[in-house]
Amino acid sequence: MLTNVKVVRPGSAEPFDADIAVSGGVIADVAPGLAGDAAQVVDGGGLLAFPGVVDAHMHFGIYNELSEDIRTESRAALQGGVTSGISYMRTGQYYLQKGGPYADFFP
């Protein structure tokens, strides 16, 4: 049970005070006053709780070796709330297998 959080939900104008019940590693309920007889209770200290963010356009291995970038960029993404992402991996080729000014291939 995670108590004392401000829940951010898509479509809600403002965060609202609530508790988050977890069962079997899955969110079971989100509502005020759920603490009850939970086996483990963690006080969220009034911090925000929001759904994981999906980053639909990520790049790894652009500025550093891939093995280094994966670790540091994944950590940075998690700290920003990103829980899922689509990574465009470095291939050693230009996108569309072309090079030069965009105007040459996107007139």
PDB file of N, CA and C in Angstrom:
ATOM      1  N   MET A   1       0.842  -1.169   0.000  1.00  0.00           N
ATOM      2  CA  MET A   1       0.000   0.000   0.000  1.00  0.00           C
ATOM      3  C   MET A   1       0.893   1.240   0.000  1.00  0.00           C
ATOM      4  N   LEU A   2       0.613   2.128  -0.896  1.00  0.00           N
ATOM      5  CA  LEU A   2       1.296   3.417  -0.954  1.00  0.00           C
ATOM      6  C   LEU A   2       0.278   4.464  -0.540  1.00  0.00           C
ATOM      7  N   THR A   3       0.550   5.164   0.557  1.00  0.00           N
ATOM      8  CA  THR A   3      -0.408   6.143   1.075  1.00  0.00           C
ATOM      9  C   THR A   3       0.122   7.562   0.898  1.00  0.00           C
ATOM     10  N   ASN A   4      -0.786   8.515   1.082  1.00  0.00           N
ATOM     11  CA  ASN A   4      -0.413   9.928   1.128  1.00  0.00           C
ATOM     12  C   ASN A   4       0.301  10.387  -0.146  1.00  0.00           C
ATOM     13  N   VAL A   5      -0.316  10.120  -1.299  1.00  0.00           N
ATOM     14  CA  VAL A   5       0.227  10.595  -2.571  1.00  0.00           C
ATOM     15  C   VAL A   5      -0.806  11.469  -3.269  1.00  0.00           C
ATOM     16  N   LYS A   6      -0.331  12.282  -4.169  1.00  0.00           N
ATOM     17  CA  LYS A   6      -1.197  13.086  -5.028  1.00  0.00           C
ATOM     18  C   LYS A   6      -1.175  12.414  -6.398  1.00  0.00           C
ATOM     19  N   VAL A   7      -2.312  11.841  -6.779  1.00  0.00           N
ATOM     20  CA  VAL A   7      -2.400  11.044  -7.996  1.00  0.00           C
ATOM     21  C   VAL A   7      -2.702  11.939  -9.198  1.00  0.00           C
ATOM     22  N   VAL A   8      -1.907  11.763 -10.231  1.00  0.00           N
ATOM     23  CA  VAL A   8      -2.110  12.470 -11.495  1.00  0.00           C
ATOM     24  C   VAL A   8      -2.674  11.451 -12.476  1.00  0.00           C
ATOM     25  N   ARG A   9      -3.833  11.766 -13.041  1.00  0.00           N
ATOM     26  CA  ARG A   9      -4.456  10.868 -14.017  1.00  0.00           C
ATOM     27  C   ARG A   9      -4.753  11.643 -15.290  1.00  0.00           C
ATOM     28  N   PRO A  10      -4.578  11.001 -16.436  1.00  0.00           N
ATOM     29  CA  PRO A  10      -4.971  11.656 -17.691  1.00  0.00           C
ATOM     30  C   PRO A  10      -6.448  12.037 -17.626  1.00  0.00           C
ATOM     31  N   GLY A  11      -6.750  13.226 -18.065  1.00  0.00           N
ATOM     32  CA  GLY A  11      -8.132  13.686 -18.065  1.00  0.00           C
ATOM     33  C   GLY A  11      -8.562  14.385 -16.791  1.00  0.00           C
ATOM     34  N   SER A  12      -7.746  14.333 -15.734  1.00  0.00           N
ATOM     35  CA  SER A  12      -8.070  15.036 -14.491  1.00  0.00           C
ATOM     36  C   SER A  12      -7.401  16.398 -14.516  1.00  0.00           C
ATOM     37  N   ALA A  13      -8.142  17.410 -14.127  1.00  0.00           N
ATOM     38  CA  ALA A  13      -7.606  18.773 -14.151  1.00  0.00           C
ATOM     39  C   ALA A  13      -6.531  18.986 -13.090  1.00  0.00           C
ATOM     40  N   GLU A  14      -6.682  18.343 -11.942  1.00  0.00           N
ATOM     41  CA  GLU A  14      -5.753  18.526 -10.823  1.00  0.00           C
ATOM     42  C   GLU A  14      -5.406  17.175 -10.201  1.00  0.00           C
ATOM     43  N   PRO A  15      -4.216  17.056  -9.609  1.00  0.00           N
ATOM     44  CA  PRO A  15      -3.906  15.839  -8.843  1.00  0.00           C
ATOM     45  C   PRO A  15      -4.851  15.725  -7.650  1.00  0.00           C
ATOM     46  N   PHE A  16      -5.142  14.504  -7.210  1.00  0.00           N
ATOM     47  CA  PHE A  16      -6.018  14.325  -6.054  1.00  0.00           C
ATOM     48  C   PHE A  16      -5.335  13.431  -5.024  1.00  0.00           C
ATOM     49  N   ASP A  17      -5.649  13.676  -3.746  1.00  0.00           N
ATOM     50  CA  ASP A  17      -5.075  12.900  -2.649  1.00  0.00           C
ATOM     51  C   ASP A  17      -5.655  11.492  -2.664  1.00  0.00           C
ATOM     52  N   ALA A  18      -4.784  10.487  -2.577  1.00  0.00           N
ATOM     53  CA  ALA A  18      -5.260   9.104  -2.603  1.00  0.00           C
ATOM     54  C   ALA A  18      -4.197   8.157  -2.071  1.00  0.00           C
ATOM     55  N   ASP A  19      -4.622   6.914  -1.910  1.00  0.00           N
ATOM     56  CA  ASP A  19      -3.742   5.799  -1.591  1.00  0.00           C
ATOM     57  C   ASP A  19      -3.764   4.865  -2.798  1.00  0.00           C
ATOM     58  N   ILE A  20      -2.703   4.078  -2.958  1.00  0.00           N
ATOM     59  CA  ILE A  20      -2.624   3.126  -4.067  1.00  0.00           C
ATOM     60  C   ILE A  20      -2.414   1.738  -3.476  1.00  0.00           C
ATOM     61  N   ALA A  21      -3.394   0.855  -3.697  1.00  0.00           N
ATOM     62  CA  ALA A  21      -3.301  -0.524  -3.223  1.00  0.00           C
ATOM     63  C   ALA A  21      -2.644  -1.376  -4.303  1.00  0.00           C
ATOM     64  N   VAL A  22      -1.708  -2.227  -3.879  1.00  0.00           N
ATOM     65  CA  VAL A  22      -0.997  -3.118  -4.803  1.00  0.00           C
ATOM     66  C   VAL A  22      -1.218  -4.551  -4.346  1.00  0.00           C
ATOM     67  N   SER A  23      -1.531  -5.423  -5.301  1.00  0.00           N
ATOM     68  CA  SER A  23      -1.729  -6.839  -5.001  1.00  0.00           C
ATOM     69  C   SER A  23      -1.032  -7.668  -6.074  1.00  0.00           C
ATOM     70  N   GLY A  24      -0.112  -8.512  -5.655  1.00  0.00           N
ATOM     71  CA  GLY A  24       0.611  -9.342  -6.608  1.00  0.00           C
ATOM     72  C   GLY A  24       1.435  -8.546  -7.597  1.00  0.00           C
ATOM     73  N   GLY A  25       1.943  -7.381  -7.171  1.00  0.00           N
ATOM     74  CA  GLY A  25       2.772  -6.551  -8.038  1.00  0.00           C
ATOM     75  C   GLY A  25       1.995  -5.716  -9.035  1.00  0.00           C
ATOM     76  N   VAL A  26       0.668  -5.699  -8.902  1.00  0.00           N
ATOM     77  CA  VAL A  26      -0.189  -4.956  -9.830  1.00  0.00           C
ATOM     78  C   VAL A  26      -1.049  -3.977  -9.035  1.00  0.00           C
ATOM     79  N   ILE A  27      -1.261  -2.782  -9.569  1.00  0.00           N
ATOM     80  CA  ILE A  27      -2.133  -1.807  -8.907  1.00  0.00           C
ATOM     81  C   ILE A  27      -3.550  -2.371  -8.871  1.00  0.00           C
ATOM     82  N   ALA A  28      -4.108  -2.486  -7.656  1.00  0.00           N
ATOM     83  CA  ALA A  28      -5.436  -3.067  -7.461  1.00  0.00           C
ATOM     84  C   ALA A  28      -6.510  -2.002  -7.286  1.00  0.00           C
ATOM     85  N   ASP A  29      -6.140  -0.848  -6.701  1.00  0.00           N
ATOM     86  CA  ASP A  29      -7.128   0.206  -6.459  1.00  0.00           C
ATOM     87  C   ASP A  29      -6.415   1.522  -6.219  1.00  0.00           C
ATOM     88  N   VAL A  30      -7.075   2.600  -6.578  1.00  0.00           N
ATOM     89  CA  VAL A  30      -6.578   3.953  -6.328  1.00  0.00           C
ATOM     90  C   VAL A  30      -7.752   4.756  -5.794  1.00  0.00           C
ATOM     91  N   ALA A  31      -7.677   5.146  -4.518  1.00  0.00           N
ATOM     92  CA  ALA A  31      -8.762   5.900  -3.892  1.00  0.00           C
ATOM     93  C   ALA A  31      -8.273   6.437  -2.551  1.00  0.00           C
ATOM     94  N   PRO A  32      -8.965   7.438  -2.014  1.00  0.00           N
ATOM     95  CA  PRO A  32      -8.607   7.935  -0.681  1.00  0.00           C
ATOM     96  C   PRO A  32      -8.952   6.897   0.395  1.00  0.00           C
ATOM     97  N   GLY A  33      -8.159   6.856   1.463  1.00  0.00           N
ATOM     98  CA  GLY A  33      -8.463   6.059   2.649  1.00  0.00           C
ATOM     99  C   GLY A  33      -8.398   4.555   2.491  1.00  0.00           C
ATOM    100  N   LEU A  34      -7.476   4.037   1.721  1.00  0.00           N
ATOM    101  CA  LEU A  34      -7.391   2.594   1.497  1.00  0.00           C
ATOM    102  C   LEU A  34      -6.503   1.859   2.495  1.00  0.00           C
ATOM    103  N   ALA A  35      -5.718   2.550   3.299  1.00  0.00           N
ATOM    104  CA  ALA A  35      -4.670   1.927   4.118  1.00  0.00           C
ATOM    105  C   ALA A  35      -5.123   0.664   4.835  1.00  0.00           C
ATOM    106  N   GLY A  36      -6.226   0.697   5.532  1.00  0.00           N
ATOM    107  CA  GLY A  36      -6.788  -0.486   6.181  1.00  0.00           C
ATOM    108  C   GLY A  36      -5.769  -1.393   6.830  1.00  0.00           C
ATOM    109  N   ASP A  37      -5.787  -2.679   6.473  1.00  0.00           N
ATOM    110  CA  ASP A  37      -4.908  -3.668   7.108  1.00  0.00           C
ATOM    111  C   ASP A  37      -3.851  -4.199   6.135  1.00  0.00           C
ATOM    112  N   ALA A  38      -3.296  -3.335   5.336  1.00  0.00           N
ATOM    113  CA  ALA A  38      -2.267  -3.735   4.366  1.00  0.00           C
ATOM    114  C   ALA A  38      -1.056  -4.325   5.080  1.00  0.00           C
ATOM    115  N   ALA A  39      -0.451  -5.341   4.484  1.00  0.00           N
ATOM    116  CA  ALA A  39       0.730  -5.994   5.060  1.00  0.00           C
ATOM    117  C   ALA A  39       1.923  -5.054   5.109  1.00  0.00           C
ATOM    118  N   GLN A  40       2.055  -4.197   4.110  1.00  0.00           N
ATOM    119  CA  GLN A  40       3.154  -3.228   4.066  1.00  0.00           C
ATOM    120  C   GLN A  40       2.589  -1.887   3.616  1.00  0.00           C
ATOM    121  N   VAL A  41       2.921  -0.843   4.360  1.00  0.00           N
ATOM    122  CA  VAL A  41       2.446   0.503   4.042  1.00  0.00           C
ATOM    123  C   VAL A  41       3.649   1.417   3.877  1.00  0.00           C
ATOM    124  N   VAL A  42       3.688   2.141   2.768  1.00  0.00           N
ATOM    125  CA  VAL A  42       4.755   3.104   2.495  1.00  0.00           C
ATOM    126  C   VAL A  42       4.110   4.476   2.379  1.00  0.00           C
ATOM    127  N   ASP A  43       4.593   5.437   3.173  1.00  0.00           N
ATOM    128  CA  ASP A  43       4.079   6.805   3.124  1.00  0.00           C
ATOM    129  C   ASP A  43       4.726   7.533   1.958  1.00  0.00           C
ATOM    130  N   GLY A  44       3.921   7.974   1.005  1.00  0.00           N
ATOM    131  CA  GLY A  44       4.417   8.691  -0.171  1.00  0.00           C
ATOM    132  C   GLY A  44       4.793  10.131   0.106  1.00  0.00           C
ATOM    133  N   GLY A  45       4.562  10.609   1.333  1.00  0.00           N
ATOM    134  CA  GLY A  45       4.999  11.944   1.720  1.00  0.00           C
ATOM    135  C   GLY A  45       4.400  13.076   0.904  1.00  0.00           C
ATOM    136  N   GLY A  46       3.220  12.854   0.333  1.00  0.00           N
ATOM    137  CA  GLY A  46       2.569  13.910  -0.444  1.00  0.00           C
ATOM    138  C   GLY A  46       3.143  14.103  -1.839  1.00  0.00           C
ATOM    139  N   LEU A  47       4.033  13.202  -2.257  1.00  0.00           N
ATOM    140  CA  LEU A  47       4.630  13.313  -3.596  1.00  0.00           C
ATOM    141  C   LEU A  47       3.636  12.903  -4.678  1.00  0.00           C
ATOM    142  N   LEU A  48       3.947  13.252  -5.920  1.00  0.00           N
ATOM    143  CA  LEU A  48       3.093  12.902  -7.051  1.00  0.00           C
ATOM    144  C   LEU A  48       3.256  11.431  -7.424  1.00  0.00           C
ATOM    145  N   ALA A  49       2.162  10.802  -7.788  1.00  0.00           N
ATOM    146  CA  ALA A  49       2.163   9.439  -8.338  1.00  0.00           C
ATOM    147  C   ALA A  49       1.434   9.525  -9.673  1.00  0.00           C
ATOM    148  N   PHE A  50       2.119   9.110 -10.736  1.00  0.00           N
ATOM    149  CA  PHE A  50       1.489   9.199 -12.058  1.00  0.00           C
ATOM    150  C   PHE A  50       1.840   7.980 -12.889  1.00  0.00           C
ATOM    151  N   PRO A  51       1.024   7.702 -13.904  1.00  0.00           N
ATOM    152  CA  PRO A  51       1.322   6.544 -14.755  1.00  0.00           C
ATOM    153  C   PRO A  51       2.683   6.702 -15.405  1.00  0.00           C
ATOM    154  N   GLY A  52       3.317   5.591 -15.693  1.00  0.00           N
ATOM    155  CA  GLY A  52       4.603   5.639 -16.382  1.00  0.00           C
ATOM    156  C   GLY A  52       4.473   6.318 -17.731  1.00  0.00           C
ATOM    157  N   VAL A  53       5.502   7.051 -18.094  1.00  0.00           N
ATOM    158  CA  VAL A  53       5.525   7.785 -19.357  1.00  0.00           C
ATOM    159  C   VAL A  53       6.159   6.909 -20.435  1.00  0.00           C
ATOM    160  N   VAL A  54       5.597   6.941 -21.643  1.00  0.00           N
ATOM    161  CA  VAL A  54       6.171   6.234 -22.787  1.00  0.00           C
ATOM    162  C   VAL A  54       6.897   7.255 -23.652  1.00  0.00           C
ATOM    163  N   ASP A  55       8.192   7.049 -23.863  1.00  0.00           N
ATOM    164  CA  ASP A  55       8.969   7.898 -24.770  1.00  0.00           C
ATOM    165  C   ASP A  55       9.024   7.170 -26.107  1.00  0.00           C
ATOM    166  N   ALA A  56       8.316   7.696 -27.080  1.00  0.00           N
ATOM    167  CA  ALA A  56       8.184   7.022 -28.375  1.00  0.00           C
ATOM    168  C   ALA A  56       9.324   7.329 -29.338  1.00  0.00           C
ATOM    169  N   HIS A  57      10.356   8.027 -28.866  1.00  0.00           N
ATOM    170  CA  HIS A  57      11.464   8.355 -29.768  1.00  0.00           C
ATOM    171  C   HIS A  57      12.730   8.567 -28.943  1.00  0.00           C
ATOM    172  N   MET A  58      13.492   7.495 -28.765  1.00  0.00           N
ATOM    173  CA  MET A  58      14.725   7.555 -27.982  1.00  0.00           C
ATOM    174  C   MET A  58      15.900   7.143 -28.862  1.00  0.00           C
ATOM    175  N   HIS A  59      17.078   7.638 -28.540  1.00  0.00           N
ATOM    176  CA  HIS A  59      18.297   7.241 -29.233  1.00  0.00           C
ATOM    177  C   HIS A  59      19.343   6.835 -28.205  1.00  0.00           C
ATOM    178  N   PHE A  60      19.973   5.708 -28.426  1.00  0.00           N
ATOM    179  CA  PHE A  60      21.100   5.272 -27.615  1.00  0.00           C
ATOM    180  C   PHE A  60      22.296   5.108 -28.533  1.00  0.00           C
ATOM    181  N   GLY A  61      23.473   5.400 -28.029  1.00  0.00           N
ATOM    182  CA  GLY A  61      24.690   5.184 -28.800  1.00  0.00           C
ATOM    183  C   GLY A  61      25.013   6.294 -29.776  1.00  0.00           C
ATOM    184  N   ILE A  62      24.459   7.468 -29.561  1.00  0.00           N
ATOM    185  CA  ILE A  62      24.732   8.603 -30.445  1.00  0.00           C
ATOM    186  C   ILE A  62      26.003   9.323 -29.989  1.00  0.00           C
ATOM    187  N   TYR A  63      26.072   9.678 -28.711  1.00  0.00           N
ATOM    188  CA  TYR A  63      27.186  10.490 -28.215  1.00  0.00           C
ATOM    189  C   TYR A  63      28.246   9.686 -27.476  1.00  0.00           C
ATOM    190  N   ASN A  64      27.894   8.483 -27.045  1.00  0.00           N
ATOM    191  CA  ASN A  64      28.831   7.612 -26.335  1.00  0.00           C
ATOM    192  C   ASN A  64      28.688   6.199 -26.884  1.00  0.00           C
ATOM    193  N   GLU A  65      29.606   5.331 -26.480  1.00  0.00           N
ATOM    194  CA  GLU A  65      29.480   3.926 -26.858  1.00  0.00           C
ATOM    195  C   GLU A  65      28.134   3.397 -26.369  1.00  0.00           C
ATOM    196  N   LEU A  66      27.546   2.518 -27.141  1.00  0.00           N
ATOM    197  CA  LEU A  66      26.227   1.982 -26.821  1.00  0.00           C
ATOM    198  C   LEU A  66      26.177   1.392 -25.414  1.00  0.00           C
ATOM    199  N   SER A  67      27.205   0.656 -25.018  1.00  0.00           N
ATOM    200  CA  SER A  67      27.209   0.025 -23.693  1.00  0.00           C
ATOM    201  C   SER A  67      27.140   1.059 -22.571  1.00  0.00           C
ATOM    202  N   GLU A  68      27.727   2.216 -22.769  1.00  0.00           N
ATOM    203  CA  GLU A  68      27.678   3.296 -21.771  1.00  0.00           C
ATOM    204  C   GLU A  68      26.358   4.047 -21.861  1.00  0.00           C
ATOM    205  N   ASP A  69      25.939   4.383 -23.068  1.00  0.00           N
ATOM    206  CA  ASP A  69      24.705   5.146 -23.266  1.00  0.00           C
ATOM    207  C   ASP A  69      23.477   4.415 -22.736  1.00  0.00           C
ATOM    208  N   ILE A  70      23.400   3.122 -22.942  1.00  0.00           N
ATOM    209  CA  ILE A  70      22.248   2.354 -22.459  1.00  0.00           C
ATOM    210  C   ILE A  70      22.080   2.546 -20.961  1.00  0.00           C
ATOM    211  N   ARG A  71      23.170   2.445 -20.224  1.00  0.00           N
ATOM    212  CA  ARG A  71      23.109   2.563 -18.763  1.00  0.00           C
ATOM    213  C   ARG A  71      22.735   3.978 -18.324  1.00  0.00           C
ATOM    214  N   THR A  72      23.435   4.977 -18.834  1.00  0.00           N
ATOM    215  CA  THR A  72      23.201   6.344 -18.357  1.00  0.00           C
ATOM    216  C   THR A  72      21.875   6.911 -18.860  1.00  0.00           C
ATOM    217  N   GLU A  73      21.536   6.650 -20.111  1.00  0.00           N
ATOM    218  CA  GLU A  73      20.291   7.196 -20.656  1.00  0.00           C
ATOM    219  C   GLU A  73      19.068   6.498 -20.082  1.00  0.00           C
ATOM    220  N   SER A  74      19.171   5.205 -19.806  1.00  0.00           N
ATOM    221  CA  SER A  74      18.060   4.491 -19.171  1.00  0.00           C
ATOM    222  C   SER A  74      17.821   5.027 -17.768  1.00  0.00           C
ATOM    223  N   ARG A  75      18.902   5.265 -17.030  1.00  0.00           N
ATOM    224  CA  ARG A  75      18.777   5.824 -15.681  1.00  0.00           C
ATOM    225  C   ARG A  75      18.135   7.209 -15.732  1.00  0.00           C
ATOM    226  N   ALA A  76      18.576   8.040 -16.655  1.00  0.00           N
ATOM    227  CA  ALA A  76      18.009   9.387 -16.784  1.00  0.00           C
ATOM    228  C   ALA A  76      16.529   9.320 -17.152  1.00  0.00           C
ATOM    229  N   ALA A  77      16.169   8.412 -18.042  1.00  0.00           N
ATOM    230  CA  ALA A  77      14.769   8.269 -18.437  1.00  0.00           C
ATOM    231  C   ALA A  77      13.911   7.856 -17.244  1.00  0.00           C
ATOM    232  N   LEU A  78      14.368   6.885 -16.468  1.00  0.00           N
ATOM    233  CA  LEU A  78      13.619   6.440 -15.295  1.00  0.00           C
ATOM    234  C   LEU A  78      13.439   7.561 -14.282  1.00  0.00           C
ATOM    235  N   GLN A  79      14.466   8.378 -14.094  1.00  0.00           N
ATOM    236  CA  GLN A  79      14.361   9.492 -13.154  1.00  0.00           C
ATOM    237  C   GLN A  79      13.322  10.505 -13.617  1.00  0.00           C
ATOM    238  N   GLY A  80      13.065  10.553 -14.911  1.00  0.00           N
ATOM    239  CA  GLY A  80      12.045  11.453 -15.456  1.00  0.00           C
ATOM    240  C   GLY A  80      10.676  10.814 -15.578  1.00  0.00           C
ATOM    241  N   GLY A  81      10.516   9.574 -15.106  1.00  0.00           N
ATOM    242  CA  GLY A  81       9.217   8.923 -15.143  1.00  0.00           C
ATOM    243  C   GLY A  81       8.971   8.065 -16.371  1.00  0.00           C
ATOM    244  N   VAL A  82       9.959   7.947 -17.238  1.00  0.00           N
ATOM    245  CA  VAL A  82       9.802   7.120 -18.437  1.00  0.00           C
ATOM    246  C   VAL A  82       9.948   5.651 -18.038  1.00  0.00           C
ATOM    247  N   THR A  83       8.914   4.864 -18.293  1.00  0.00           N
ATOM    248  CA  THR A  83       8.947   3.443 -17.952  1.00  0.00           C
ATOM    249  C   THR A  83       8.982   2.547 -19.185  1.00  0.00           C
ATOM    250  N   SER A  84       8.690   3.109 -20.343  1.00  0.00           N
ATOM    251  CA  SER A  84       8.720   2.359 -21.607  1.00  0.00           C
ATOM    252  C   SER A  84       9.221   3.280 -22.699  1.00  0.00           C
ATOM    253  N   GLY A  85       9.922   2.709 -23.669  1.00  0.00           N
ATOM    254  CA  GLY A  85      10.420   3.550 -24.748  1.00  0.00           C
ATOM    255  C   GLY A  85      10.670   2.764 -26.017  1.00  0.00           C
ATOM    256  N   ILE A  86      10.670   3.480 -27.115  1.00  0.00           N
ATOM    257  CA  ILE A  86      11.015   2.915 -28.412  1.00  0.00           C
ATOM    258  C   ILE A  86      12.353   3.510 -28.790  1.00  0.00           C
ATOM    259  N   SER A  87      13.351   2.658 -28.898  1.00  0.00           N
ATOM    260  CA  SER A  87      14.702   3.133 -29.172  1.00  0.00           C
ATOM    261  C   SER A  87      15.045   2.972 -30.642  1.00  0.00           C
ATOM    262  N   TYR A  88      15.553   4.023 -31.215  1.00  0.00           N
ATOM    263  CA  TYR A  88      16.067   3.994 -32.575  1.00  0.00           C
ATOM    264  C   TYR A  88      17.562   3.746 -32.451  1.00  0.00           C
ATOM    265  N   MET A  89      17.984   2.547 -32.766  1.00  0.00           N
ATOM    266  CA  MET A  89      19.372   2.155 -32.554  1.00  0.00           C
ATOM    267  C   MET A  89      20.276   2.700 -33.651  1.00  0.00           C
ATOM    268  N   ARG A  90      21.472   3.013 -33.269  1.00  0.00           N
ATOM    269  CA  ARG A  90      22.470   3.513 -34.205  1.00  0.00           C
ATOM    270  C   ARG A  90      22.916   2.376 -35.124  1.00  0.00           C
ATOM    271  N   THR A  91      22.863   2.623 -36.417  1.00  0.00           N
ATOM    272  CA  THR A  91      23.200   1.574 -37.382  1.00  0.00           C
ATOM    273  C   THR A  91      24.482   1.862 -38.132  1.00  0.00           C
ATOM    274  N   GLY A  92      25.023   3.060 -37.999  1.00  0.00           N
ATOM    275  CA  GLY A  92      26.193   3.432 -38.776  1.00  0.00           C
ATOM    276  C   GLY A  92      25.818   3.998 -40.129  1.00  0.00           C
ATOM    277  N   GLN A  93      24.531   4.061 -40.404  1.00  0.00           N
ATOM    278  CA  GLN A  93      24.038   4.605 -41.666  1.00  0.00           C
ATOM    279  C   GLN A  93      23.190   5.842 -41.384  1.00  0.00           C
ATOM    280  N   TYR A  94      23.058   6.690 -42.390  1.00  0.00           N
ATOM    281  CA  TYR A  94      22.118   7.791 -42.289  1.00  0.00           C
ATOM    282  C   TYR A  94      20.709   7.219 -42.310  1.00  0.00           C
ATOM    283  N   TYR A  95      19.782   7.945 -41.720  1.00  0.00           N
ATOM    284  CA  TYR A  95      18.391   7.533 -41.839  1.00  0.00           C
ATOM    285  C   TYR A  95      18.007   7.528 -43.304  1.00  0.00           C
ATOM    286  N   LEU A  96      17.178   6.589 -43.702  1.00  0.00           N
ATOM    287  CA  LEU A  96      16.743   6.391 -45.087  1.00  0.00           C
ATOM    288  C   LEU A  96      17.899   6.025 -45.995  1.00  0.00           C
ATOM    289  N   GLN A  97      19.052   5.664 -45.387  1.00  0.00           N
ATOM    290  CA  GLN A  97      20.247   5.292 -46.156  1.00  0.00           C
ATOM    291  C   GLN A  97      20.688   6.412 -47.098  1.00  0.00           C
ATOM    292  N   LYS A  98      20.404   7.632 -46.730  1.00  0.00           N
ATOM    293  CA  LYS A  98      20.783   8.790 -47.543  1.00  0.00           C
ATOM    294  C   LYS A  98      21.535   9.773 -46.663  1.00  0.00           C
ATOM    295  N   GLY A  99      22.210  10.698 -47.289  1.00  0.00           N
ATOM    296  CA  GLY A  99      22.885  11.752 -46.558  1.00  0.00           C
ATOM    297  C   GLY A  99      22.706  13.067 -47.283  1.00  0.00           C
ATOM    298  N   GLY A 100      23.142  14.124 -46.653  1.00  0.00           N
ATOM    299  CA  GLY A 100      23.051  15.440 -47.269  1.00  0.00           C
ATOM    300  C   GLY A 100      21.897  16.248 -46.722  1.00  0.00           C
ATOM    301  N   PRO A 101      21.636  17.403 -47.323  1.00  0.00           N
ATOM    302  CA  PRO A 101      20.587  18.293 -46.845  1.00  0.00           C
ATOM    303  C   PRO A 101      19.197  17.651 -46.938  1.00  0.00           C
ATOM    304  N   TYR A 102      18.365  17.934 -45.948  1.00  0.00           N
ATOM    305  CA  TYR A 102      16.997  17.425 -45.974  1.00  0.00           C
ATOM    306  C   TYR A 102      16.272  17.817 -47.255  1.00  0.00           C
ATOM    307  N   ALA A 103      16.530  19.011 -47.756  1.00  0.00           N
ATOM    308  CA  ALA A 103      15.845  19.491 -48.964  1.00  0.00           C
ATOM    309  C   ALA A 103      16.086  18.569 -50.157  1.00  0.00           C
ATOM    310  N   ASP A 104      17.199  17.834 -50.153  1.00  0.00           N
ATOM    311  CA  ASP A 104      17.489  16.937 -51.273  1.00  0.00           C
ATOM    312  C   ASP A 104      16.596  15.699 -51.287  1.00  0.00           C
ATOM    313  N   PHE A 105      16.146  15.269 -50.112  1.00  0.00           N
ATOM    314  CA  PHE A 105      15.292  14.080 -50.118  1.00  0.00           C
ATOM    315  C   PHE A 105      13.936  14.291 -49.459  1.00  0.00           C
ATOM    316  N   PHE A 106      13.667  15.475 -48.951  1.00  0.00           N
ATOM    317  CA  PHE A 106      12.339  15.874 -48.480  1.00  0.00           C
ATOM    318  C   PHE A 106      12.007  17.227 -49.091  1.00  0.00           C
ATOM    319  N   PRO A 107      11.741  17.266 -50.400  1.00  0.00           N
ATOM    320  CA  PRO A 107      11.510  18.577 -51.057  1.00  0.00           C
ATOM    321  C   PRO A 107      10.255  19.273 -50.561  1.00  0.00           C
TER     322      PRO A 107
END
